[in-house]
Amino acid sequence: MSTAEKLGMAIIGVAMVTTLILPRRQTVPVITAAFNGARGFLATAMGTGKRV
């Protein structure tokens, strides 16, 4: 992994943790959005994603 990829993953990780621990946040929707986003990236990469 390049340095840019590691930095990007670190930023996303910190953002997710921050969102989860802040008061008045809904943890379940945040986790669902994260997994659905990852699923969308993979579907696009494999060519099975929705047509836009």
Protein backbone atom coordinates (compact mmCIF):
# COMPACT_ATOMS: atom_id res chain seq x y z
CA MET A 1 0.00 0.00 0.00
CA SER A 2 1.27 3.44 -0.87
CA THR A 3 1.58 6.23 1.65
CA ALA A 4 -1.40 8.04 0.10
CA GLU A 5 -3.60 4.95 0.49
CA LYS A 6 -2.54 4.51 4.11
CA LEU A 7 -3.24 8.17 4.81
CA GLY A 8 -6.68 7.95 3.18
CA MET A 9 -7.60 4.87 5.20
CA ALA A 10 -6.40 6.55 8.40
CA ILE A 11 -8.55 9.61 7.72
CA ILE A 12 -11.61 7.47 7.00
CA GLY A 13 -10.96 5.39 10.13
CA VAL A 14 -10.64 8.43 12.38
CA ALA A 15 -13.81 9.94 10.86
CA MET A 16 -15.77 6.74 11.50
CA VAL A 17 -14.57 6.43 15.11
CA THR A 18 -15.29 10.10 15.76
CA THR A 19 -18.80 9.75 14.35
CA LEU A 20 -19.46 6.69 16.49
CA ILE A 21 -18.34 8.21 19.80
CA LEU A 22 -19.83 11.71 19.54
CA PRO A 23 -22.98 12.26 21.59
CA ARG A 24 -26.41 12.12 19.94
CA ARG A 25 -25.13 10.02 17.02
CA GLN A 26 -26.87 6.92 15.74
CA THR A 27 -24.31 4.14 15.67
CA VAL A 28 -26.31 1.59 13.66
CA PRO A 29 -26.99 3.90 10.67
CA VAL A 30 -23.33 4.95 10.64
CA ILE A 31 -22.13 1.34 10.50
CA THR A 32 -24.72 0.47 7.85
CA ALA A 33 -23.66 3.42 5.70
CA ALA A 34 -19.99 2.43 6.00
CA PHE A 35 -20.63 -1.16 4.92
CA ASN A 36 -23.00 -0.16 2.11
CA GLY A 37 -20.42 2.31 0.85
CA ALA A 38 -17.73 -0.37 0.81
CA ARG A 39 -20.13 -2.76 -0.94
CA GLY A 40 -20.83 -0.10 -3.58
CA PHE A 41 -17.11 0.44 -4.26
CA LEU A 42 -16.57 -3.29 -4.67
CA ALA A 43 -19.61 -3.69 -6.93
CA THR A 44 -18.36 -0.88 -9.16
CA ALA A 45 -14.87 -2.37 -9.29
CA MET A 46 -16.29 -5.77 -10.28
CA GLY A 47 -18.63 -4.24 -12.85
CA THR A 48 -21.78 -5.42 -11.09
CA GLY A 49 -22.87 -2.05 -9.73
CA LYS A 50 -26.00 -0.17 -10.70
CA ARG A 51 -25.99 1.79 -13.92
CA VAL A 52 -26.12 5.53 -13.45
